[in-house]
Amino acid sequence: MECTLHFPREGVTLTYTGTAGDTWETALLSLGVNPDTVIVFANGVPVPQDDEIKTDEAEIISTCSRG
């Protein structure tokens, strides 16, 4: 299973390759993203990070400053 994660504020796109049943939290952690600092949008709708990944693309919006 492969999912493309777009980080528009950072101008970055990453690809997560995992297995069926993986959650958004699993994907974020594997890419070095702290799940507490972002909101995941799948098909334009915010989704809980403990939901199973059911789409091949998502937008990840940072919710806090890194400075």
N, C-alpha and C. Protein backbone atom coordinates (compact mmCIF):
# COMPACT_ATOMS: atom_id res chain seq x y z
N MET A 1 0.83 -1.16 0.00
CA MET A 1 0.00 0.00 0.00
C MET A 1 0.89 1.24 0.00
N GLU A 2 0.55 2.18 -0.87
CA GLU A 2 1.33 3.40 -1.00
C GLU A 2 0.41 4.60 -0.91
N CYS A 3 0.86 5.64 -0.19
CA CYS A 3 0.06 6.85 -0.02
C CYS A 3 0.97 8.07 -0.15
N THR A 4 0.54 9.04 -0.92
CA THR A 4 1.29 10.28 -1.10
C THR A 4 0.78 11.31 -0.10
N LEU A 5 1.68 11.87 0.67
CA LEU A 5 1.34 12.86 1.68
C LEU A 5 1.89 14.22 1.26
N HIS A 6 1.00 15.18 1.10
CA HIS A 6 1.38 16.53 0.69
C HIS A 6 1.42 17.44 1.91
N PHE A 7 2.51 18.16 2.06
CA PHE A 7 2.69 19.14 3.13
C PHE A 7 2.76 20.51 2.47
N PRO A 8 1.61 21.14 2.18
CA PRO A 8 1.61 22.38 1.38
C PRO A 8 2.34 23.55 2.03
N ARG A 9 2.28 23.71 3.33
CA ARG A 9 2.98 24.83 3.99
C ARG A 9 4.49 24.71 3.86
N GLU A 10 4.96 23.48 3.85
CA GLU A 10 6.40 23.23 3.73
C GLU A 10 6.84 23.06 2.29
N GLY A 11 5.89 22.87 1.38
CA GLY A 11 6.22 22.64 -0.02
C GLY A 11 6.86 21.28 -0.25
N VAL A 12 6.45 20.29 0.55
CA VAL A 12 7.06 18.97 0.50
C VAL A 12 5.99 17.92 0.22
N THR A 13 6.37 16.91 -0.56
CA THR A 13 5.51 15.76 -0.79
C THR A 13 6.32 14.51 -0.48
N LEU A 14 5.77 13.64 0.36
CA LEU A 14 6.43 12.39 0.74
C LEU A 14 5.54 11.21 0.39
N THR A 15 6.14 10.08 0.16
CA THR A 15 5.40 8.86 -0.13
C THR A 15 5.59 7.87 1.00
N TYR A 16 4.48 7.39 1.52
CA TYR A 16 4.51 6.37 2.57
C TYR A 16 4.18 5.03 1.94
N THR A 17 5.03 4.04 2.20
CA THR A 17 4.78 2.68 1.75
C THR A 17 4.61 1.81 2.98
N GLY A 18 3.43 1.23 3.11
CA GLY A 18 3.14 0.41 4.29
C GLY A 18 2.34 -0.81 3.93
N THR A 19 1.62 -1.31 4.92
CA THR A 19 0.81 -2.51 4.72
C THR A 19 -0.65 -2.19 4.99
N ALA A 20 -1.52 -3.01 4.48
CA ALA A 20 -2.95 -2.84 4.71
C ALA A 20 -3.23 -2.79 6.20
N GLY A 21 -4.09 -1.88 6.63
CA GLY A 21 -4.42 -1.75 8.03
C GLY A 21 -3.63 -0.69 8.76
N ASP A 22 -2.60 -0.14 8.12
CA ASP A 22 -1.81 0.91 8.75
C ASP A 22 -2.67 2.15 9.00
N THR A 23 -2.32 2.89 10.04
CA THR A 23 -3.06 4.10 10.38
C THR A 23 -2.26 5.33 9.94
N TRP A 24 -2.95 6.48 9.97
CA TRP A 24 -2.27 7.73 9.64
C TRP A 24 -1.14 8.00 10.63
N GLU A 25 -1.37 7.68 11.88
CA GLU A 25 -0.34 7.87 12.90
C GLU A 25 0.91 7.05 12.57
N THR A 26 0.72 5.82 12.17
CA THR A 26 1.85 4.96 11.78
C THR A 26 2.63 5.59 10.63
N ALA A 27 1.91 6.08 9.64
CA ALA A 27 2.55 6.69 8.47
C ALA A 27 3.34 7.93 8.87
N LEU A 28 2.72 8.80 9.67
CA LEU A 28 3.40 10.02 10.08
C LEU A 28 4.66 9.73 10.89
N LEU A 29 4.55 8.84 11.86
CA LEU A 29 5.71 8.50 12.68
C LEU A 29 6.84 7.91 11.85
N SER A 30 6.50 7.07 10.88
CA SER A 30 7.55 6.45 10.05
C SER A 30 8.28 7.47 9.18
N LEU A 31 7.62 8.61 8.93
CA LEU A 31 8.23 9.67 8.12
C LEU A 31 8.85 10.76 8.99
N GLY A 32 8.89 10.54 10.31
CA GLY A 32 9.52 11.48 11.21
C GLY A 32 8.66 12.69 11.55
N VAL A 33 7.34 12.56 11.38
CA VAL A 33 6.42 13.66 11.69
C VAL A 33 5.71 13.35 13.01
N ASN A 34 5.74 14.30 13.92
CA ASN A 34 5.05 14.15 15.20
C ASN A 34 3.55 14.31 14.95
N PRO A 35 2.75 13.28 15.15
CA PRO A 35 1.31 13.36 14.88
C PRO A 35 0.58 14.43 15.69
N ASP A 36 1.15 14.84 16.82
CA ASP A 36 0.51 15.86 17.65
C ASP A 36 0.61 17.26 17.05
N THR A 37 1.40 17.41 15.99
CA THR A 37 1.63 18.74 15.43
C THR A 37 0.94 18.96 14.09
N VAL A 38 0.13 18.00 13.63
CA VAL A 38 -0.48 18.11 12.31
C VAL A 38 -1.93 17.64 12.32
N ILE A 39 -2.66 18.03 11.27
CA ILE A 39 -3.99 17.51 11.00
C ILE A 39 -3.95 16.85 9.63
N VAL A 40 -4.53 15.66 9.54
CA VAL A 40 -4.57 14.92 8.27
C VAL A 40 -5.91 15.17 7.59
N PHE A 41 -5.85 15.53 6.32
CA PHE A 41 -7.05 15.71 5.51
C PHE A 41 -7.04 14.68 4.38
N ALA A 42 -8.06 13.84 4.34
CA ALA A 42 -8.23 12.87 3.25
C ALA A 42 -9.48 13.26 2.49
N ASN A 43 -9.33 13.49 1.19
CA ASN A 43 -10.44 13.95 0.35
C ASN A 43 -11.05 15.23 0.90
N GLY A 44 -10.20 16.11 1.45
CA GLY A 44 -10.65 17.40 1.94
C GLY A 44 -11.32 17.39 3.31
N VAL A 45 -11.37 16.23 3.94
CA VAL A 45 -12.05 16.09 5.23
C VAL A 45 -11.02 15.67 6.29
N PRO A 46 -11.01 16.34 7.46
CA PRO A 46 -10.08 15.91 8.51
C PRO A 46 -10.43 14.51 9.01
N VAL A 47 -9.39 13.71 9.22
CA VAL A 47 -9.61 12.33 9.67
C VAL A 47 -8.82 12.08 10.95
N PRO A 48 -9.35 11.23 11.85
CA PRO A 48 -8.60 10.87 13.06
C PRO A 48 -7.33 10.11 12.67
N GLN A 49 -6.28 10.39 13.41
CA GLN A 49 -5.00 9.77 13.08
C GLN A 49 -4.96 8.28 13.37
N ASP A 50 -5.90 7.79 14.16
CA ASP A 50 -5.93 6.35 14.41
C ASP A 50 -6.82 5.60 13.41
N ASP A 51 -7.32 6.33 12.40
CA ASP A 51 -8.08 5.69 11.32
C ASP A 51 -7.14 4.95 10.37
N GLU A 52 -7.63 3.88 9.83
CA GLU A 52 -6.89 3.13 8.80
C GLU A 52 -6.79 3.99 7.54
N ILE A 53 -5.65 3.92 6.88
CA ILE A 53 -5.45 4.66 5.63
C ILE A 53 -6.28 3.98 4.54
N LYS A 54 -7.20 4.74 3.95
CA LYS A 54 -8.09 4.18 2.93
C LYS A 54 -8.05 4.98 1.64
N THR A 55 -7.06 5.84 1.49
CA THR A 55 -6.92 6.64 0.29
C THR A 55 -5.45 6.65 -0.12
N ASP A 56 -5.19 6.98 -1.36
CA ASP A 56 -3.80 6.97 -1.82
C ASP A 56 -3.16 8.35 -1.79
N GLU A 57 -3.88 9.34 -1.20
CA GLU A 57 -3.35 10.69 -1.16
C GLU A 57 -3.97 11.45 0.02
N ALA A 58 -3.17 12.32 0.67
CA ALA A 58 -3.68 13.11 1.79
C ALA A 58 -2.89 14.41 1.88
N GLU A 59 -3.51 15.39 2.51
CA GLU A 59 -2.85 16.66 2.77
C GLU A 59 -2.60 16.75 4.27
N ILE A 60 -1.40 17.14 4.64
CA ILE A 60 -1.00 17.22 6.04
C ILE A 60 -0.73 18.69 6.36
N ILE A 61 -1.51 19.23 7.31
CA ILE A 61 -1.38 20.63 7.67
C ILE A 61 -0.77 20.76 9.07
N SER A 62 0.32 21.50 9.16
CA SER A 62 0.97 21.75 10.44
C SER A 62 0.11 22.69 11.28
N THR A 63 0.01 22.38 12.58
CA THR A 63 -0.83 23.19 13.46
C THR A 63 -0.02 23.96 14.49
N CYS A 64 1.30 23.89 14.43
CA CYS A 64 2.08 24.61 15.43
C CYS A 64 3.37 25.14 14.81
N SER A 65 3.92 26.11 15.49
CA SER A 65 5.18 26.73 15.08
C SER A 65 6.33 25.78 15.40
N ARG A 66 7.36 25.84 14.59
CA ARG A 66 8.54 25.02 14.85
C ARG A 66 9.71 25.88 15.32
N GLY A 67 9.42 27.12 15.62
CA GLY A 67 10.50 28.05 15.96
C GLY A 67 10.76 28.27 17.37
